C-alpha atoms as a PDB file:
ATOM      1  CA  MET A   1      -0.066  -0.121   0.086  1.00  0.00           C
ATOM      2  CA  ASN A   2       1.186   3.747  -1.497  1.00  0.00           C
ATOM      3  CA  ARG A   3       1.242   6.477   1.339  1.00  0.00           C
ATOM      4  CA  LYS A   4      -1.718   8.261  -0.890  1.00  0.00           C
ATOM      5  CA  THR A   5      -3.937   4.957   0.016  1.00  0.00           C
ATOM      6  CA  MET A   6      -2.915   4.728   3.458  1.00  0.00           C
ATOM      7  CA  GLN A   7      -4.452   7.847   4.398  1.00  0.00           C
ATOM      8  CA  CYS A   8      -7.552   7.674   2.388  1.00  0.00           C
ATOM      9  CA  ALA A   9      -8.132   4.628   4.348  1.00  0.00           C
ATOM     10  CA  LEU A  10      -7.386   6.228   7.833  1.00  0.00           C
ATOM     11  CA  SER A  11      -8.787   9.486   6.754  1.00  0.00           C
ATOM     12  CA  ALA A  12     -11.689   7.646   6.016  1.00  0.00           C
ATOM     13  CA  ARG A  13     -12.464   5.818   9.249  1.00  0.00           C
ATOM     14  CA  THR A  14     -11.966   8.660  11.113  1.00  0.00           C
ATOM     15  CA  THR A  15     -14.847  10.159  10.163  1.00  0.00           C
ATOM     16  CA  ILE A  16     -16.519   7.138  10.416  1.00  0.00           C
ATOM     17  CA  ALA A  17     -15.862   6.923  13.649  1.00  0.00           C
ATOM     18  CA  LEU A  18     -16.408  10.504  14.183  1.00  0.00           C
ATOM     19  CA  PHE A  19     -20.026  10.097  12.822  1.00  0.00           C
ATOM     20  CA  GLY A  20     -20.192   7.084  14.461  1.00  0.00           C
ATOM     21  CA  LEU A  21     -19.449   8.807  17.917  1.00  0.00           C
ATOM     22  CA  THR A  22     -22.042  11.721  16.761  1.00  0.00           C
ATOM     23  CA  SER A  23     -24.317   9.845  16.015  1.00  0.00           C
ATOM     24  CA  ILE A  24     -24.327   8.177  19.741  1.00  0.00           C
ATOM     25  CA  PHE A  25     -24.374  11.955  21.540  1.00  0.00           C
ATOM     26  CA  ALA A  26     -26.579  12.981  19.441  1.00  0.00           C
ATOM     27  CA  CYS A  27     -29.226  10.123  20.476  1.00  0.00           C
ATOM     28  CA  SER A  28     -27.996   9.401  23.900  1.00  0.00           C
ATOM     29  CA  GLY A  29     -29.849  13.126  25.150  1.00  0.00           C
ATOM     30  CA  ILE A  30     -25.998  13.900  26.151  1.00  0.00           C
ATOM     31  CA  THR A  31     -27.076  16.883  23.697  1.00  0.00           C
ATOM     32  CA  PRO A  32     -29.283  19.862  24.965  1.00  0.00           C
ATOM     33  CA  ALA A  33     -32.660  19.096  23.937  1.00  0.00           C
ATOM     34  CA  LYS A  34     -33.452  21.821  21.170  1.00  0.00           C
ATOM     35  CA  GLY A  35     -36.257  23.745  22.483  1.00  0.00           C
ATOM     36  CA  ARG A  36     -37.012  25.806  25.427  1.00  0.00           C
ATOM     37  CA  PRO A  37     -39.866  25.841  27.831  1.00  0.00           C
ATOM     38  CA  THR A  38     -42.547  28.380  26.936  1.00  0.00           C
ATOM     39  CA  GLU A  39     -45.471  29.774  28.912  1.00  0.00           C
ATOM     40  CA  PHE A  40     -48.648  32.182  27.426  1.00  0.00           C
ATOM     41  CA  ARG A  41     -50.928  34.191  29.746  1.00  0.00           C
ATOM     42  CA  SER A  42     -53.856  35.975  28.405  1.00  0.00           C
ATOM     43  CA  ASP A  43     -54.158  39.594  29.140  1.00  0.00           C
ATOM     44  CA  THR A  44     -57.040  39.446  27.798  1.00  0.00           C
ATOM     45  CA  ALA A  45     -59.130  35.676  28.413  1.00  0.00           C
ATOM     46  CA  PRO A  46     -61.443  36.631  31.693  1.00  0.00           C
ATOM     47  CA  ARG A  47     -59.707  35.526  34.951  1.00  0.00           C
ATOM     48  CA  VAL A  48     -62.505  32.961  35.941  1.00  0.00           C
ATOM     49  CA  ASN A  49     -61.862  30.353  39.573  1.00  0.00           C
ATOM     50  CA  TYR A  50     -61.153  26.785  37.674  1.00  0.00           C
ATOM     51  CA  LYS A  51     -64.073  24.998  39.396  1.00  0.00           C
ATOM     52  CA  THR A  52     -63.965  22.154  37.115  1.00  0.00           C
ATOM     53  CA  ILE A  53     -62.642  21.401  33.903  1.00  0.00           C
ATOM     54  CA  VAL A  54     -62.801  19.095  30.826  1.00  0.00           C
ATOM     55  CA  VAL A  55     -59.150  17.479  30.140  1.00  0.00           C
ATOM     56  CA  ILE A  56     -58.899  16.255  26.444  1.00  0.00           C
ATOM     57  CA  ALA A  57     -56.259  14.643  24.491  1.00  0.00           C
ATOM     58  CA  ALA A  58     -55.239  15.964  21.351  1.00  0.00           C
ATOM     59  CA  ASP A  59     -55.327  13.391  19.149  1.00  0.00           C
ATOM     60  CA  ASP A  60     -57.183  10.125  19.665  1.00  0.00           C
ATOM     61  CA  ASN A  61     -54.653   8.254  19.298  1.00  0.00           C
ATOM     62  CA  LYS A  62     -53.622   6.178  22.084  1.00  0.00           C
ATOM     63  CA  ASN A  63     -50.354   7.779  23.570  1.00  0.00           C
ATOM     64  CA  ALA A  64     -52.737  10.920  24.108  1.00  0.00           C
ATOM     65  CA  LEU A  65     -54.880   9.713  25.500  1.00  0.00           C
ATOM     66  CA  LYS A  66     -53.049   8.473  28.192  1.00  0.00           C
ATOM     67  CA  MET A  67     -51.274  11.273  28.490  1.00  0.00           C
ATOM     68  CA  SER A  68     -54.654  13.012  28.995  1.00  0.00           C
ATOM     69  CA  SER A  69     -55.965  10.933  32.164  1.00  0.00           C
ATOM     70  CA  VAL A  70     -52.024  11.148  33.452  1.00  0.00           C
ATOM     71  CA  VAL A  71     -52.789  14.487  33.890  1.00  0.00           C
ATOM     72  CA  ARG A  72     -56.308  14.701  34.498  1.00  0.00           C
ATOM     73  CA  THR A  73     -55.315  12.648  37.703  1.00  0.00           C
ATOM     74  CA  GLN A  74     -52.671  14.121  38.578  1.00  0.00           C
ATOM     75  CA  LEU A  75     -54.643  17.598  38.582  1.00  0.00           C
ATOM     76  CA  ASN A  76     -57.571  15.496  40.608  1.00  0.00           C
ATOM     77  CA  LYS A  77     -55.393  14.579  42.935  1.00  0.00           C
ATOM     78  CA  ASP A  78     -53.681  17.891  43.977  1.00  0.00           C
ATOM     79  CA  GLY A  79     -57.417  19.415  44.573  1.00  0.00           C
ATOM     80  CA  PHE A  80     -59.283  20.227  40.909  1.00  0.00           C
ATOM     81  CA  ASN A  81     -62.028  19.519  39.559  1.00  0.00           C
ATOM     82  CA  ALA A  82     -61.389  17.705  36.221  1.00  0.00           C
ATOM     83  CA  ILE A  83     -63.240  15.367  34.774  1.00  0.00           C
ATOM     84  CA  ARG A  84     -63.250  12.827  31.044  1.00  0.00           C
ATOM     85  CA  ARG A  85     -65.623  14.226  27.990  1.00  0.00           C
ATOM     86  CA  SER A  86     -65.969  10.898  25.870  1.00  0.00           C
ATOM     87  CA  GLY A  87     -65.801  12.731  22.214  1.00  0.00           C
ATOM     88  CA  ARG A  88     -64.273  12.791  18.267  1.00  0.00           C
ATOM     89  CA  TRP A  89     -64.400  16.141  17.002  1.00  0.00           C
ATOM     90  CA  THR A  90     -62.940  17.840  13.591  1.00  0.00           C
ATOM     91  CA  SER A  91     -61.375  21.287  15.274  1.00  0.00           C
ATOM     92  CA  GLU A  92     -60.267  22.440  18.738  1.00  0.00           C
ATOM     93  CA  ASP A  93     -63.508  24.887  18.209  1.00  0.00           C
ATOM     94  CA  ASP A  94     -66.067  21.839  17.723  1.00  0.00           C
ATOM     95  CA  ALA A  95     -65.456  20.625  20.728  1.00  0.00           C
ATOM     96  CA  MET A  96     -64.929  23.965  22.359  1.00  0.00           C
ATOM     97  CA  ASN A  97     -68.756  24.739  20.939  1.00  0.00           C
ATOM     98  CA  ASP A  98     -69.567  21.145  22.050  1.00  0.00           C
ATOM     99  CA  VAL A  99     -67.821  20.628  25.516  1.00  0.00           C
ATOM    100  CA  CYS A 100     -68.530  24.389  26.915  1.00  0.00           C
ATOM    101  CA  ARG A 101     -71.881  24.569  25.652  1.00  0.00           C
ATOM    102  CA  ALA A 102     -75.100  25.704  28.208  1.00  0.00           C
ATOM    103  CA  GLY A 103     -77.178  23.151  29.734  1.00  0.00           C
ATOM    104  CA  GLN A 104     -74.769  19.956  31.004  1.00  0.00           C
ATOM    105  CA  PRO A 105     -75.461  18.854  34.236  1.00  0.00           C
ATOM    106  CA  GLU A 106     -72.376  20.163  36.028  1.00  0.00           C
ATOM    107  CA  LYS A 107     -70.405  23.915  35.179  1.00  0.00           C
ATOM    108  CA  ILE A 108     -67.480  23.927  33.158  1.00  0.00           C
ATOM    109  CA  ASP A 109     -65.292  26.726  33.715  1.00  0.00           C
ATOM    110  CA  GLY A 110     -61.930  25.874  30.717  1.00  0.00           C
ATOM    111  CA  MET A 111     -61.341  23.364  28.171  1.00  0.00           C
ATOM    112  CA  LEU A 112     -57.320  21.172  28.758  1.00  0.00           C
ATOM    113  CA  VAL A 113     -56.329  19.587  26.229  1.00  0.00           C
ATOM    114  CA  VAL A 114     -53.317  17.824  26.232  1.00  0.00           C
ATOM    115  CA  SER A 115     -50.614  17.124  23.984  1.00  0.00           C
ATOM    116  CA  PHE A 116     -47.401  15.522  24.280  1.00  0.00           C
ATOM    117  CA  GLU A 117     -45.574  19.154  24.243  1.00  0.00           C
ATOM    118  CA  MET A 118     -47.963  21.337  25.424  1.00  0.00           C
ATOM    119  CA  LEU A 119     -50.983  22.033  27.942  1.00  0.00           C
ATOM    120  CA  LEU A 120     -53.781  24.462  26.102  1.00  0.00           C
ATOM    121  CA  LEU A 121     -55.943  26.144  29.204  1.00  0.00           C
ATOM    122  CA  ARG A 122     -58.712  27.451  27.111  1.00  0.00           C
ATOM    123  CA  GLU A 123     -61.946  29.605  28.892  1.00  0.00           C
ATOM    124  CA  CYS A 124     -65.218  28.917  27.981  1.00  0.00           C
ATOM    125  CA  SER A 125     -67.009  32.266  28.248  1.00  0.00           C
ATOM    126  CA  SER A 126     -65.158  33.565  26.451  1.00  0.00           C
ATOM    127  CA  LYS A 127     -63.655  30.262  24.138  1.00  0.00           C
ATOM    128  CA  LEU A 128     -60.121  32.885  24.601  1.00  0.00           C
ATOM    129  CA  THR A 129     -56.867  31.452  24.954  1.00  0.00           C
ATOM    130  CA  ALA A 130     -56.093  31.574  28.892  1.00  0.00           C
ATOM    131  CA  TYR A 131     -53.046  29.680  29.349  1.00  0.00           C
ATOM    132  CA  LYS A 132     -50.941  27.855  27.451  1.00  0.00           C
ATOM    133  CA  VAL A 133     -47.137  25.611  28.537  1.00  0.00           C
ATOM    134  CA  ASN A 134     -44.707  24.317  25.873  1.00  0.00           C
ATOM    135  CA  GLY A 135     -42.242  21.740  27.282  1.00  0.00           C
ATOM    136  CA  GLY A 136     -39.804  22.397  24.962  1.00  0.00           C
ATOM    137  CA  GLY A 137     -38.097  18.465  24.398  1.00  0.00           C
ATOM    138  CA  ARG A 138     -37.167  19.530  27.855  1.00  0.00           C
ATOM    139  CA  LEU A 139     -40.695  19.121  30.198  1.00  0.00           C
ATOM    140  CA  GLY A 140     -42.574  16.288  30.126  1.00  0.00           C
ATOM    141  CA  VAL A 141     -46.471  15.874  30.966  1.00  0.00           C
ATOM    142  CA  PRO A 142     -45.865  15.963  34.831  1.00  0.00           C
ATOM    143  CA  GLU A 143     -43.184  19.284  35.034  1.00  0.00           C
ATOM    144  CA  MET A 144     -45.857  21.461  32.344  1.00  0.00           C
ATOM    145  CA  THR A 145     -48.983  19.878  34.728  1.00  0.00           C
ATOM    146  CA  LEU A 146     -47.333  21.352  38.202  1.00  0.00           C
ATOM    147  CA  LYS A 147     -47.197  24.322  35.928  1.00  0.00           C
ATOM    148  CA  LEU A 148     -50.937  24.895  34.656  1.00  0.00           C
ATOM    149  CA  GLU A 149     -51.363  24.056  38.613  1.00  0.00           C
ATOM    150  CA  ASN A 150     -49.772  27.252  39.240  1.00  0.00           C
ATOM    151  CA  TYR A 151     -51.585  29.034  37.302  1.00  0.00           C
ATOM    152  CA  LEU A 152     -54.833  28.595  38.379  1.00  0.00           C
ATOM    153  CA  ARG A 153     -53.880  28.908  41.814  1.00  0.00           C
ATOM    154  CA  SER A 154     -52.520  32.390  41.026  1.00  0.00           C
ATOM    155  CA  VAL A 155     -55.406  32.677  39.214  1.00  0.00           C
ATOM    156  CA  ALA A 156     -58.021  31.210  42.018  1.00  0.00           C
ATOM    157  CA  THR A 157     -56.797  33.807  44.452  1.00  0.00           C
ATOM    158  CA  ALA A 158     -56.400  36.546  41.906  1.00  0.00           C
ATOM    159  CA  PRO A 159     -59.102  39.397  42.110  1.00  0.00           C
ATOM    160  CA  ALA A 160     -61.415  38.936  39.398  1.00  0.00           C
ATOM    161  CA  GLN A 161     -61.630  41.684  36.024  1.00  0.00           C
END
């Protein structure tokens, strides 16, 4: 083997090794998550004391339904009244209209939409988004639920608008 061929072979091995190490680090969680957790608190949605919240999944796949169940359970365990509502809706607005319609046995104050990366709370009387937390790849559903609970406590103690 001549010197040039040997250098090319070493270069190729080095490139493959570097690619392999980079792949391992990228898949291992050693590299930081790309997004940043964000919270949105509406200035326009009425500040209400959320006594009853309907918790629904963002879509109808098995994992989303399980996550909504986990959030509902955690909210109930921590003293909030989170209830289940079954149904299939074509859009979030359709779900909002169904969940928050008048004449139900229990007054619903808000609807919480749960997905793996976000919790979105909409207020029933105005149908506006009151609160939204996005985990940004760093917060899981339990941590986002704790942030939601902090928001719910803050609006419960705040003077009404």
